[in-house]
Amino acid sequence: MKNKPTIFVLVGFVLVGLLVNSCKKESQDPIQQLFTGGTWELASVVATYYTGATQDSTVTLDTTAMCSGQFFTFYANNTCTYTNYDCITQTPAAATWSLTQNKVYLQANVVCKDTSAKGSSMPFAYAQIENLGQYSLVLYIGDIQPNYSLTQYRVIYTYGFIRQKVNGVD
């Protein structure tokens, strides 16, 4: 009889443990958390020109002279927006983003108005992630395919972003 309360307490702990562990836990992986941890502001754009594997020249584009406030925002529900692309006010459209299985490439179908002949583009449809940290994000876009001819002219743009505070919190 002395052990009855102890057995009930023990069975109670086991049932609570089973209940807690059976709850479905949804969480993002650490890389997705870095993307969605805040708004990313464009800090730099560098255009690197190649002929085949030979680097011909590098041009750093002056993003502060172009305009200020180009922001890339990723949300936990895998939607995203890019504001002020190419210094043109953008109407945020419903765009989605994902990472490739190896988490080396970002795929974002955000359509941005630009100054090209077409009037719009999807610059981040397939971007290589060069660096991703708590405060910095570097993406390669353009002619980033791994196979190219030795005489092919190509341009790779390096977009550097810094994470901005959200509601005063890093």
N, C-alpha and C. Protein backbone atom coordinates (compact mmCIF):
# COMPACT_ATOMS: atom_id res chain seq x y z
N MET A 1 0.79 -1.19 0.00
CA MET A 1 0.00 0.00 0.00
C MET A 1 0.84 1.26 0.00
N LYS A 2 2.01 1.19 0.61
CA LYS A 2 2.88 2.36 0.66
C LYS A 2 3.35 2.77 -0.73
N ASN A 3 3.51 1.81 -1.62
CA ASN A 3 4.06 2.08 -2.95
C ASN A 3 3.02 2.57 -3.95
N LYS A 4 1.70 2.50 -3.61
CA LYS A 4 0.66 2.93 -4.55
C LYS A 4 0.82 4.39 -4.98
N PRO A 5 1.01 5.34 -4.08
CA PRO A 5 1.19 6.73 -4.52
C PRO A 5 2.44 6.90 -5.38
N THR A 6 3.50 6.18 -5.05
CA THR A 6 4.73 6.27 -5.83
C THR A 6 4.51 5.74 -7.24
N ILE A 7 3.76 4.66 -7.37
CA ILE A 7 3.49 4.07 -8.68
C ILE A 7 2.64 5.03 -9.51
N PHE A 8 1.63 5.65 -8.88
CA PHE A 8 0.79 6.61 -9.60
C PHE A 8 1.61 7.81 -10.08
N VAL A 9 2.51 8.29 -9.26
CA VAL A 9 3.36 9.42 -9.64
C VAL A 9 4.27 9.00 -10.79
N LEU A 10 4.85 7.83 -10.70
CA LEU A 10 5.74 7.32 -11.75
C LEU A 10 4.97 7.15 -13.06
N VAL A 11 3.79 6.54 -13.01
CA VAL A 11 2.97 6.36 -14.21
C VAL A 11 2.57 7.74 -14.77
N GLY A 12 2.26 8.68 -13.89
CA GLY A 12 1.92 10.05 -14.33
C GLY A 12 3.07 10.69 -15.09
N PHE A 13 4.29 10.55 -14.57
CA PHE A 13 5.46 11.11 -15.26
C PHE A 13 5.67 10.46 -16.62
N VAL A 14 5.47 9.17 -16.71
CA VAL A 14 5.63 8.46 -17.97
C VAL A 14 4.59 8.94 -18.97
N LEU A 15 3.33 9.09 -18.53
CA LEU A 15 2.28 9.56 -19.43
C LEU A 15 2.55 11.00 -19.89
N VAL A 16 2.98 11.87 -19.01
CA VAL A 16 3.32 13.24 -19.39
C VAL A 16 4.48 13.24 -20.38
N GLY A 17 5.48 12.40 -20.12
CA GLY A 17 6.62 12.30 -21.04
C GLY A 17 6.20 11.83 -22.42
N LEU A 18 5.33 10.84 -22.49
CA LEU A 18 4.84 10.36 -23.78
C LEU A 18 4.03 11.43 -24.50
N LEU A 19 3.21 12.16 -23.76
CA LEU A 19 2.39 13.20 -24.35
C LEU A 19 3.26 14.32 -24.91
N VAL A 20 4.26 14.75 -24.17
CA VAL A 20 5.14 15.83 -24.63
C VAL A 20 5.94 15.39 -25.84
N ASN A 21 6.46 14.19 -25.84
CA ASN A 21 7.28 13.72 -26.95
C ASN A 21 6.46 13.36 -28.18
N SER A 22 5.16 13.13 -28.02
CA SER A 22 4.35 12.78 -29.18
C SER A 22 3.84 14.01 -29.92
N CYS A 23 3.94 15.19 -29.33
CA CYS A 23 3.51 16.41 -30.01
C CYS A 23 4.39 16.66 -31.22
N LYS A 24 3.78 17.06 -32.31
CA LYS A 24 4.53 17.33 -33.52
C LYS A 24 5.30 18.64 -33.34
N LYS A 25 6.57 18.57 -33.56
CA LYS A 25 7.41 19.75 -33.44
C LYS A 25 7.83 20.18 -34.83
N GLU A 26 7.48 21.42 -35.19
CA GLU A 26 7.89 21.97 -36.48
C GLU A 26 8.91 23.04 -36.25
N SER A 27 10.04 22.89 -36.88
CA SER A 27 11.05 23.93 -36.76
C SER A 27 11.82 24.01 -38.07
N GLN A 28 12.32 25.20 -38.34
CA GLN A 28 13.12 25.39 -39.53
C GLN A 28 14.53 24.91 -39.24
N ASP A 29 15.23 24.55 -40.29
CA ASP A 29 16.62 24.21 -40.09
C ASP A 29 17.41 25.51 -39.89
N PRO A 30 18.62 25.43 -39.38
CA PRO A 30 19.39 26.64 -39.06
C PRO A 30 19.62 27.56 -40.26
N ILE A 31 19.77 27.02 -41.45
CA ILE A 31 20.01 27.86 -42.62
C ILE A 31 18.75 28.65 -42.95
N GLN A 32 17.59 28.03 -42.90
CA GLN A 32 16.35 28.76 -43.15
C GLN A 32 16.13 29.83 -42.08
N GLN A 33 16.52 29.55 -40.85
CA GLN A 33 16.38 30.54 -39.78
C GLN A 33 17.26 31.76 -40.06
N LEU A 34 18.45 31.55 -40.63
CA LEU A 34 19.31 32.68 -40.97
C LEU A 34 18.66 33.56 -42.04
N PHE A 35 18.05 32.93 -43.04
CA PHE A 35 17.37 33.71 -44.08
C PHE A 35 16.23 34.54 -43.50
N THR A 36 15.42 33.92 -42.65
CA THR A 36 14.21 34.57 -42.15
C THR A 36 14.44 35.38 -40.89
N GLY A 37 15.67 35.51 -40.45
CA GLY A 37 15.98 36.21 -39.20
C GLY A 37 15.89 37.71 -39.27
N GLY A 38 15.54 38.27 -40.40
CA GLY A 38 15.44 39.72 -40.52
C GLY A 38 15.37 40.13 -41.98
N THR A 39 15.40 41.42 -42.20
CA THR A 39 15.38 41.96 -43.56
C THR A 39 16.81 42.20 -44.00
N TRP A 40 17.12 41.82 -45.23
CA TRP A 40 18.47 41.96 -45.77
C TRP A 40 18.53 43.20 -46.67
N GLU A 41 19.43 44.12 -46.35
CA GLU A 41 19.59 45.33 -47.16
C GLU A 41 20.80 45.18 -48.07
N LEU A 42 20.62 45.57 -49.33
CA LEU A 42 21.71 45.49 -50.30
C LEU A 42 22.82 46.45 -49.89
N ALA A 43 24.03 45.94 -49.78
CA ALA A 43 25.18 46.76 -49.39
C ALA A 43 26.14 46.96 -50.54
N SER A 44 26.24 45.96 -51.44
CA SER A 44 27.19 46.08 -52.55
C SER A 44 26.80 45.16 -53.69
N VAL A 45 27.20 45.58 -54.89
CA VAL A 45 27.05 44.75 -56.08
C VAL A 45 28.36 44.85 -56.85
N VAL A 46 28.93 43.71 -57.17
CA VAL A 46 30.17 43.65 -57.94
C VAL A 46 29.90 42.81 -59.19
N ALA A 47 30.26 43.35 -60.34
CA ALA A 47 30.14 42.62 -61.61
C ALA A 47 31.53 42.13 -62.00
N THR A 48 31.67 40.84 -62.19
CA THR A 48 32.94 40.25 -62.61
C THR A 48 32.75 39.67 -64.00
N TYR A 49 33.60 40.11 -64.93
CA TYR A 49 33.51 39.71 -66.33
C TYR A 49 34.56 38.66 -66.63
N TYR A 50 34.15 37.60 -67.32
CA TYR A 50 35.03 36.48 -67.64
C TYR A 50 34.95 36.17 -69.14
N THR A 51 36.03 35.64 -69.65
CA THR A 51 36.03 34.93 -70.93
C THR A 51 36.51 33.53 -70.58
N GLY A 52 35.59 32.57 -70.63
CA GLY A 52 35.90 31.23 -70.16
C GLY A 52 36.19 31.28 -68.67
N ALA A 53 37.35 30.75 -68.27
CA ALA A 53 37.74 30.78 -66.86
C ALA A 53 38.61 31.98 -66.52
N THR A 54 38.95 32.80 -67.51
CA THR A 54 39.84 33.93 -67.29
C THR A 54 39.03 35.16 -66.89
N GLN A 55 39.41 35.73 -65.75
CA GLN A 55 38.74 36.94 -65.30
C GLN A 55 39.26 38.13 -66.08
N ASP A 56 38.37 38.84 -66.76
CA ASP A 56 38.76 40.00 -67.56
C ASP A 56 38.78 41.27 -66.73
N SER A 57 37.72 41.53 -65.99
CA SER A 57 37.66 42.75 -65.18
C SER A 57 36.61 42.61 -64.09
N THR A 58 36.70 43.52 -63.14
CA THR A 58 35.75 43.58 -62.04
C THR A 58 35.31 45.01 -61.88
N VAL A 59 34.01 45.22 -61.75
CA VAL A 59 33.46 46.56 -61.56
C VAL A 59 32.58 46.54 -60.33
N THR A 60 32.89 47.43 -59.39
CA THR A 60 32.04 47.57 -58.21
C THR A 60 31.00 48.64 -58.51
N LEU A 61 29.74 48.26 -58.45
CA LEU A 61 28.66 49.19 -58.74
C LEU A 61 28.35 49.98 -57.48
N ASP A 62 28.13 51.26 -57.62
CA ASP A 62 27.88 52.13 -56.48
C ASP A 62 26.40 52.09 -56.12
N THR A 63 26.05 51.25 -55.16
CA THR A 63 24.65 51.09 -54.80
C THR A 63 24.11 52.29 -54.03
N THR A 64 24.96 53.03 -53.34
CA THR A 64 24.46 54.19 -52.58
C THR A 64 24.15 55.35 -53.52
N ALA A 65 24.90 55.47 -54.62
CA ALA A 65 24.61 56.54 -55.58
C ALA A 65 23.36 56.21 -56.39
N MET A 66 23.13 54.91 -56.62
CA MET A 66 21.96 54.50 -57.40
C MET A 66 20.69 54.86 -56.64
N CYS A 67 20.59 54.41 -55.43
CA CYS A 67 19.44 54.69 -54.56
C CYS A 67 19.70 54.02 -53.22
N SER A 68 18.88 54.28 -52.29
CA SER A 68 19.04 53.62 -51.00
C SER A 68 17.82 52.77 -50.71
N GLY A 69 18.03 51.80 -49.89
CA GLY A 69 16.91 50.99 -49.43
C GLY A 69 16.44 49.89 -50.34
N GLN A 70 17.36 49.07 -50.83
CA GLN A 70 16.96 47.86 -51.55
C GLN A 70 16.96 46.73 -50.52
N PHE A 71 15.79 46.16 -50.29
CA PHE A 71 15.63 45.17 -49.23
C PHE A 71 15.10 43.85 -49.78
N PHE A 72 15.70 42.75 -49.29
CA PHE A 72 15.27 41.40 -49.62
C PHE A 72 14.77 40.80 -48.31
N THR A 73 13.51 40.40 -48.28
CA THR A 73 12.94 39.85 -47.05
C THR A 73 12.42 38.46 -47.31
N PHE A 74 12.82 37.53 -46.45
CA PHE A 74 12.40 36.14 -46.54
C PHE A 74 11.51 35.84 -45.34
N TYR A 75 10.43 35.12 -45.58
CA TYR A 75 9.49 34.78 -44.51
C TYR A 75 9.49 33.28 -44.27
N ALA A 76 9.12 32.89 -43.04
CA ALA A 76 9.14 31.49 -42.64
C ALA A 76 8.19 30.63 -43.47
N ASN A 77 7.15 31.23 -44.07
CA ASN A 77 6.22 30.46 -44.89
C ASN A 77 6.73 30.31 -46.33
N ASN A 78 8.01 30.58 -46.54
CA ASN A 78 8.70 30.45 -47.82
C ASN A 78 8.19 31.43 -48.89
N THR A 79 7.74 32.60 -48.46
CA THR A 79 7.46 33.69 -49.38
C THR A 79 8.55 34.74 -49.19
N CYS A 80 8.69 35.63 -50.16
CA CYS A 80 9.72 36.66 -50.07
C CYS A 80 9.31 37.89 -50.85
N THR A 81 9.97 39.00 -50.56
CA THR A 81 9.77 40.25 -51.31
C THR A 81 11.13 40.91 -51.51
N TYR A 82 11.23 41.66 -52.59
CA TYR A 82 12.41 42.48 -52.84
C TYR A 82 11.87 43.87 -53.16
N THR A 83 12.27 44.86 -52.39
CA THR A 83 11.78 46.22 -52.60
C THR A 83 12.87 47.10 -53.19
N ASN A 84 12.46 47.96 -54.10
CA ASN A 84 13.32 48.99 -54.68
C ASN A 84 14.41 48.43 -55.60
N TYR A 85 14.18 47.25 -56.19
CA TYR A 85 15.18 46.66 -57.08
C TYR A 85 15.46 47.61 -58.24
N ASP A 86 16.72 47.78 -58.57
CA ASP A 86 17.15 48.63 -59.69
C ASP A 86 16.65 50.07 -59.50
N CYS A 87 16.45 50.44 -58.22
CA CYS A 87 15.99 51.79 -57.85
C CYS A 87 14.60 52.11 -58.38
N ILE A 88 13.81 51.10 -58.59
CA ILE A 88 12.44 51.28 -59.05
C ILE A 88 11.52 50.79 -57.94
N THR A 89 10.55 51.60 -57.57
CA THR A 89 9.61 51.19 -56.55
C THR A 89 8.89 49.93 -57.01
N GLN A 90 8.95 48.92 -56.18
CA GLN A 90 8.36 47.62 -56.52
C GLN A 90 7.05 47.43 -55.77
N THR A 91 6.09 46.85 -56.42
CA THR A 91 4.88 46.41 -55.75
C THR A 91 5.13 44.98 -55.33
N PRO A 92 5.29 44.73 -54.02
CA PRO A 92 5.60 43.37 -53.60
C PRO A 92 4.54 42.38 -54.08
N ALA A 93 4.97 41.43 -54.86
CA ALA A 93 4.08 40.38 -55.38
C ALA A 93 4.29 39.11 -54.57
N ALA A 94 3.38 38.21 -54.69
CA ALA A 94 3.50 36.93 -53.99
C ALA A 94 4.61 36.12 -54.66
N ALA A 95 5.74 36.07 -54.02
CA ALA A 95 6.88 35.31 -54.53
C ALA A 95 7.25 34.25 -53.51
N THR A 96 7.86 33.19 -53.99
CA THR A 96 8.27 32.12 -53.09
C THR A 96 9.78 31.91 -53.18
N TRP A 97 10.33 31.31 -52.15
CA TRP A 97 11.76 31.00 -52.14
C TRP A 97 11.95 29.60 -51.56
N SER A 98 13.05 28.99 -51.97
CA SER A 98 13.43 27.68 -51.43
C SER A 98 14.93 27.51 -51.60
N LEU A 99 15.44 26.53 -50.94
CA LEU A 99 16.85 26.18 -51.07
C LEU A 99 16.94 24.83 -51.77
N THR A 100 17.99 24.64 -52.55
CA THR A 100 18.19 23.33 -53.16
C THR A 100 18.49 22.33 -52.05
N GLN A 101 18.40 21.07 -52.37
CA GLN A 101 18.59 20.03 -51.36
C GLN A 101 19.94 20.14 -50.66
N ASN A 102 20.99 20.52 -51.42
CA ASN A 102 22.32 20.64 -50.81
C ASN A 102 22.52 22.00 -50.14
N LYS A 103 21.52 22.87 -50.20
CA LYS A 103 21.50 24.20 -49.56
C LYS A 103 22.61 25.12 -50.06
N VAL A 104 23.02 24.93 -51.31
CA VAL A 104 24.05 25.76 -51.92
C VAL A 104 23.43 26.83 -52.82
N TYR A 105 22.20 26.59 -53.27
CA TYR A 105 21.55 27.52 -54.19
C TYR A 105 20.21 27.98 -53.62
N LEU A 106 19.95 29.26 -53.82
CA LEU A 106 18.68 29.87 -53.47
C LEU A 106 17.84 29.96 -54.74
N GLN A 107 16.58 29.58 -54.65
CA GLN A 107 15.66 29.72 -55.77
C GLN A 107 14.52 30.62 -55.31
N ALA A 108 14.48 31.84 -55.86
CA ALA A 108 13.44 32.79 -55.49
C ALA A 108 12.79 33.29 -56.77
N ASN A 109 11.49 33.10 -56.89
CA ASN A 109 10.80 33.49 -58.12
C ASN A 109 10.23 34.90 -58.04
N VAL A 110 10.89 35.76 -57.30
CA VAL A 110 10.44 37.15 -57.18
C VAL A 110 10.69 37.88 -58.50
N VAL A 111 9.64 38.50 -59.03
CA VAL A 111 9.74 39.24 -60.28
C VAL A 111 9.95 40.71 -59.93
N CYS A 112 11.04 41.28 -60.44
CA CYS A 112 11.39 42.67 -60.13
C CYS A 112 11.32 43.52 -61.39
N LYS A 113 10.74 44.69 -61.25
CA LYS A 113 10.81 45.66 -62.35
C LYS A 113 12.26 46.11 -62.45
N ASP A 114 12.73 46.30 -63.69
CA ASP A 114 14.10 46.77 -63.86
C ASP A 114 14.20 47.65 -65.10
N THR A 115 15.41 48.07 -65.40
CA THR A 115 15.62 48.97 -66.53
C THR A 115 15.99 48.24 -67.81
N SER A 116 15.83 46.92 -67.83
CA SER A 116 16.16 46.16 -69.03
C SER A 116 15.08 46.37 -70.10
N ALA A 117 15.35 45.87 -71.28
CA ALA A 117 14.41 46.01 -72.39
C ALA A 117 13.09 45.30 -72.09
N LYS A 118 13.15 44.22 -71.31
CA LYS A 118 11.93 43.48 -70.97
C LYS A 118 11.10 44.22 -69.92
N GLY A 119 11.74 45.03 -69.11
CA GLY A 119 11.03 45.76 -68.07
C GLY A 119 10.91 45.04 -66.75
N SER A 120 11.25 43.76 -66.73
CA SER A 120 11.25 43.00 -65.48
C SER A 120 12.17 41.79 -65.62
N SER A 121 12.54 41.25 -64.47
CA SER A 121 13.41 40.08 -64.48
C SER A 121 13.20 39.30 -63.18
N MET A 122 13.77 38.13 -63.15
CA MET A 122 13.79 37.30 -61.94
C MET A 122 15.26 37.09 -61.58
N PRO A 123 15.89 38.10 -60.99
CA PRO A 123 17.34 38.03 -60.78
C PRO A 123 17.79 36.93 -59.82
N PHE A 124 16.93 36.50 -58.92
CA PHE A 124 17.34 35.52 -57.93
C PHE A 124 16.67 34.16 -58.15
N ALA A 125 16.29 33.89 -59.42
CA ALA A 125 15.65 32.63 -59.75
C ALA A 125 16.56 31.45 -59.40
N TYR A 126 17.85 31.65 -59.57
CA TYR A 126 18.82 30.61 -59.24
C TYR A 126 20.11 31.31 -58.84
N ALA A 127 20.30 31.48 -57.55
CA ALA A 127 21.46 32.21 -57.03
C ALA A 127 22.31 31.28 -56.17
N GLN A 128 23.61 31.36 -56.37
CA GLN A 128 24.52 30.55 -55.56
C GLN A 128 24.81 31.29 -54.27
N ILE A 129 24.70 30.58 -53.15
CA ILE A 129 24.98 31.18 -51.85
C ILE A 129 26.48 31.08 -51.60
N GLU A 130 27.15 32.21 -51.59
CA GLU A 130 28.59 32.24 -51.33
C GLU A 130 28.85 32.30 -49.83
N ASN A 131 28.06 33.10 -49.13
CA ASN A 131 28.26 33.27 -47.70
C ASN A 131 26.91 33.56 -47.06
N LEU A 132 26.67 32.96 -45.92
CA LEU A 132 25.46 33.21 -45.16
C LEU A 132 25.82 33.16 -43.69
N GLY A 133 25.62 34.27 -43.02
CA GLY A 133 25.89 34.34 -41.60
C GLY A 133 24.77 35.09 -40.91
N GLN A 134 24.96 35.33 -39.64
CA GLN A 134 23.93 36.02 -38.88
C GLN A 134 23.72 37.45 -39.39
N TYR A 135 24.77 38.08 -39.90
CA TYR A 135 24.67 39.48 -40.32
C TYR A 135 24.99 39.72 -41.78
N SER A 136 25.40 38.71 -42.53
CA SER A 136 25.76 38.93 -43.93
C SER A 136 25.26 37.79 -44.82
N LEU A 137 24.93 38.18 -46.04
CA LEU A 137 24.47 37.24 -47.05
C LEU A 137 25.10 37.67 -48.37
N VAL A 138 25.80 36.75 -49.03
CA VAL A 138 26.42 37.04 -50.32
C VAL A 138 25.90 36.02 -51.32
N LEU A 139 25.34 36.54 -52.42
CA LEU A 139 24.77 35.70 -53.47
C LEU A 139 25.46 35.98 -54.80
N TYR A 140 25.72 34.92 -55.57
CA TYR A 140 26.20 35.05 -56.94
C TYR A 140 25.01 34.82 -57.86
N ILE A 141 24.82 35.72 -58.83
CA ILE A 141 23.79 35.52 -59.83
C ILE A 141 24.41 35.79 -61.20
N GLY A 142 23.70 35.42 -62.22
CA GLY A 142 24.21 35.62 -63.58
C GLY A 142 24.63 34.29 -64.17
N ASP A 143 25.78 34.29 -64.83
CA ASP A 143 26.29 33.10 -65.52
C ASP A 143 27.07 32.22 -64.55
N ILE A 144 26.37 31.57 -63.64
CA ILE A 144 27.03 30.81 -62.58
C ILE A 144 27.09 29.31 -62.86
N GLN A 145 26.65 28.90 -64.05
CA GLN A 145 26.67 27.48 -64.36
C GLN A 145 28.10 26.94 -64.25
N PRO A 146 28.25 25.70 -63.81
CA PRO A 146 29.60 25.15 -63.61
C PRO A 146 30.31 24.77 -64.91
N ASN A 147 29.57 24.55 -65.99
CA ASN A 147 30.18 24.15 -67.25
C ASN A 147 30.01 25.27 -68.28
N TYR A 148 31.10 25.70 -68.87
CA TYR A 148 31.07 26.75 -69.87
C TYR A 148 32.24 26.52 -70.81
N SER A 149 32.14 27.08 -72.00
CA SER A 149 33.23 26.90 -72.96
C SER A 149 34.36 27.87 -72.61
N LEU A 150 35.54 27.58 -73.10
CA LEU A 150 36.71 28.39 -72.78
C LEU A 150 36.70 29.75 -73.47
N THR A 151 35.80 29.94 -74.42
CA THR A 151 35.70 31.21 -75.13
C THR A 151 34.42 31.97 -74.78
N GLN A 152 33.60 31.40 -73.90
CA GLN A 152 32.32 32.01 -73.56
C GLN A 152 32.50 33.26 -72.70
N TYR A 153 31.87 34.34 -73.14
CA TYR A 153 31.85 35.58 -72.37
C TYR A 153 30.74 35.45 -71.33
N ARG A 154 31.03 35.75 -70.07
CA ARG A 154 30.02 35.64 -69.04
C ARG A 154 30.23 36.68 -67.95
N VAL A 155 29.17 36.98 -67.24
CA VAL A 155 29.19 37.96 -66.16
C VAL A 155 28.58 37.32 -64.92
N ILE A 156 29.27 37.47 -63.81
CA ILE A 156 28.74 37.01 -62.53
C ILE A 156 28.61 38.23 -61.63
N TYR A 157 27.42 38.43 -61.09
CA TYR A 157 27.16 39.53 -60.17
C TYR A 157 27.20 39.00 -58.75
N THR A 158 27.91 39.71 -57.90
CA THR A 158 27.98 39.36 -56.49
C THR A 158 27.17 40.38 -55.71
N TYR A 159 26.07 39.93 -55.12
CA TYR A 159 25.21 40.78 -54.32
C TYR A 159 25.55 40.56 -52.85
N GLY A 160 25.92 41.63 -52.17
CA GLY A 160 26.22 41.56 -50.74
C GLY A 160 25.12 42.24 -49.95
N PHE A 161 24.57 41.54 -48.99
CA PHE A 161 23.49 42.07 -48.15
C PHE A 161 23.92 42.06 -46.69
N ILE A 162 23.39 43.01 -45.93
CA ILE A 162 23.57 43.00 -44.49
C ILE A 162 22.20 42.93 -43.83
N ARG A 163 22.13 42.18 -42.75
CA ARG A 163 20.84 42.00 -42.07
C ARG A 163 20.53 43.24 -41.24
N GLN A 164 19.31 43.69 -41.34
CA GLN A 164 18.85 44.86 -40.61
C GLN A 164 18.11 44.44 -39.35
N LYS A 165 18.10 45.31 -38.40
CA LYS A 165 17.37 45.05 -37.16
C LYS A 165 15.88 45.00 -37.44
N VAL A 166 15.21 44.10 -36.75
CA VAL A 166 13.76 44.00 -36.82
C VAL A 166 13.21 44.42 -35.48
N ASN A 167 12.43 45.48 -35.46
CA ASN A 167 11.86 46.01 -34.22
C ASN A 167 12.93 46.27 -33.16
N GLY A 168 14.09 46.77 -33.60
CA GLY A 168 15.16 47.12 -32.68
C GLY A 168 15.95 45.95 -32.15
N VAL A 169 15.74 44.75 -32.70
CA VAL A 169 16.42 43.55 -32.23
C VAL A 169 17.29 43.03 -33.36
N ASP A 170 18.52 42.61 -33.02
CA ASP A 170 19.41 42.01 -34.03
C ASP A 170 18.94 40.64 -34.38
